[in-house]
Protein backbone atom coordinates (compact mmCIF):
# COMPACT_ATOMS: atom_id res chain seq x y z
CA VAL A 1 12.69 -12.86 -1.36
CA GLN A 2 12.21 -16.49 -1.96
CA LEU A 3 9.98 -19.05 -0.35
CA GLN A 4 11.65 -22.51 -0.09
CA ALA A 5 8.74 -25.44 0.13
CA SER A 6 9.97 -28.80 1.16
CA GLY A 7 8.87 -32.07 2.26
CA GLY A 8 7.09 -33.44 -0.65
CA GLY A 9 7.64 -36.90 -1.87
CA LEU A 10 5.91 -40.43 -2.85
CA VAL A 11 3.90 -42.00 -0.56
CA GLN A 12 1.35 -44.68 -0.29
CA PRO A 13 -2.45 -44.20 0.39
CA GLY A 14 -3.15 -43.49 3.68
CA GLY A 15 0.23 -42.26 4.58
CA SER A 16 1.34 -38.65 6.12
CA LEU A 17 3.43 -36.16 4.94
CA ARG A 18 4.67 -32.56 6.53
CA LEU A 19 5.57 -30.05 4.36
CA SER A 20 7.28 -26.74 5.03
CA CYS A 21 7.83 -23.28 3.64
CA LEU A 22 10.78 -21.26 4.82
CA PRO A 23 11.60 -17.67 3.49
CA SER A 24 15.11 -16.59 2.43
CA ARG A 25 14.86 -13.89 4.61
CA THR A 26 12.05 -12.43 6.96
CA ILE A 27 9.12 -10.71 5.39
CA GLY A 28 7.47 -7.97 7.23
CA GLY A 29 4.05 -7.42 7.91
CA VAL A 30 2.58 -11.05 6.75
CA ARG A 31 -1.16 -11.24 7.00
CA ILE A 32 -1.82 -14.70 5.54
CA ARG A 33 0.19 -17.72 4.96
CA ALA A 34 -1.12 -20.40 2.91
CA TRP A 35 -0.59 -23.72 0.89
CA TYR A 36 -2.03 -24.17 -2.60
CA ARG A 37 -1.64 -27.37 -4.90
CA GLN A 38 -1.91 -27.90 -8.93
CA PRO A 39 -2.91 -31.51 -9.66
CA PRO A 40 -1.50 -32.92 -13.30
CA GLY A 41 -3.31 -30.77 -15.91
CA LYS A 42 -5.35 -28.82 -13.53
CA GLN A 43 -5.61 -25.28 -12.33
CA ARG A 44 -3.87 -24.36 -8.81
CA GLU A 45 -6.43 -24.41 -6.11
CA SER A 46 -6.35 -23.35 -2.49
CA VAL A 47 -5.77 -26.00 0.22
CA ALA A 48 -5.34 -24.15 3.49
CA SER A 49 -4.69 -20.78 4.78
CA ILE A 50 -3.75 -19.21 8.67
CA THR A 51 -4.05 -15.45 9.23
CA ALA A 52 -1.58 -13.64 11.29
CA GLY A 53 -3.99 -14.03 14.21
CA GLY A 54 -4.16 -17.78 13.96
CA ALA A 55 -7.28 -18.33 12.15
CA THR A 56 -7.21 -21.14 9.89
CA ASP A 57 -9.14 -22.09 6.65
CA TYR A 58 -9.35 -25.49 4.76
CA SER A 59 -10.87 -26.73 1.51
CA GLU A 60 -13.46 -29.09 1.72
CA SER A 61 -11.51 -32.00 0.05
CA VAL A 62 -8.61 -31.85 2.85
CA LYS A 63 -10.77 -30.57 6.06
CA GLY A 64 -9.98 -33.53 8.66
CA ARG A 65 -6.99 -34.58 7.11
CA PHE A 66 -4.59 -31.65 6.62
CA SER A 67 -3.59 -29.36 9.37
CA ILE A 68 -1.82 -26.08 8.76
CA SER A 69 0.27 -24.31 11.49
CA ARG A 70 3.33 -21.95 11.58
CA ASP A 71 6.56 -21.76 13.90
CA ILE A 72 6.58 -18.08 14.82
CA ALA A 73 10.07 -18.49 16.31
CA LYS A 74 11.49 -20.38 13.18
CA ASN A 75 9.47 -18.13 10.66
CA THR A 76 8.12 -21.58 9.18
CA LEU A 77 4.92 -22.49 7.48
CA HIS A 78 3.88 -26.32 7.70
CA LEU A 79 1.25 -28.36 6.27
CA GLN A 80 0.68 -31.73 8.02
CA MET A 81 -0.99 -33.95 5.54
CA ASN A 82 -2.64 -37.07 6.80
CA ASN A 83 -4.76 -40.06 5.26
CA LEU A 84 -3.29 -38.92 1.89
CA LYS A 85 -5.38 -40.12 -1.32
CA PRO A 86 -4.22 -40.35 -4.72
CA GLU A 87 -6.28 -37.25 -5.66
CA ASP A 88 -3.97 -35.44 -3.25
CA THR A 89 -1.16 -35.97 -5.98
CA ALA A 90 0.13 -32.51 -7.05
CA VAL A 91 2.60 -29.87 -6.48
CA TYR A 92 2.17 -28.12 -3.73
CA PHE A 93 2.90 -24.30 -3.54
CA CYS A 94 3.22 -21.92 -0.13
CA LYS A 95 2.19 -18.26 -0.53
CA TRP A 96 2.83 -15.69 2.16
CA THR A 97 0.91 -12.34 1.54
CA ASN A 98 1.79 -8.99 3.18
CA THR A 99 0.48 -5.70 2.71
CA TYR A 100 2.41 -4.74 -0.62
CA ARG A 101 2.54 -8.30 -2.30
CA GLU A 102 2.29 -11.98 -2.70
CA PHE A 103 5.23 -14.34 -2.18
CA TRP A 104 5.23 -17.72 -3.86
CA GLY A 105 7.37 -20.84 -3.43
CA GLN A 106 8.89 -22.85 -6.16
CA GLY A 107 6.69 -25.73 -5.33
CA THR A 108 7.07 -29.40 -3.90
CA GLN A 109 6.03 -32.72 -5.68
CA VAL A 110 3.40 -34.81 -3.73
CA THR A 111 2.70 -38.19 -5.23
CA VAL A 112 0.23 -40.63 -3.51
CA SER A 113 0.50 -43.97 -5.15
CA SER A 114 0.51 -47.56 -4.32
């Protein structure tokens, strides 16, 4: 099973992007869906997560600007990113976790620059 992340691109500061993450086939028993990012030259960090029950969690750096959601019918995870800042520049990855293992996407590049 592969996770396909999309929606990245180049945006000016203050702009918005919406990332999506779709599995190549259904993953059963998913407990947590999450977004991570890896800025240039830095380690991968958690951005946001959503549990099977719908509880969400955000890193302090994105609270109030980013929103994580899932479309159950389309089996898709989203990350709405508003008021983007240059420090949000990174490769963004999605991760789905079920009882047995973690599934990672290949990453999508987000660049915030004027």
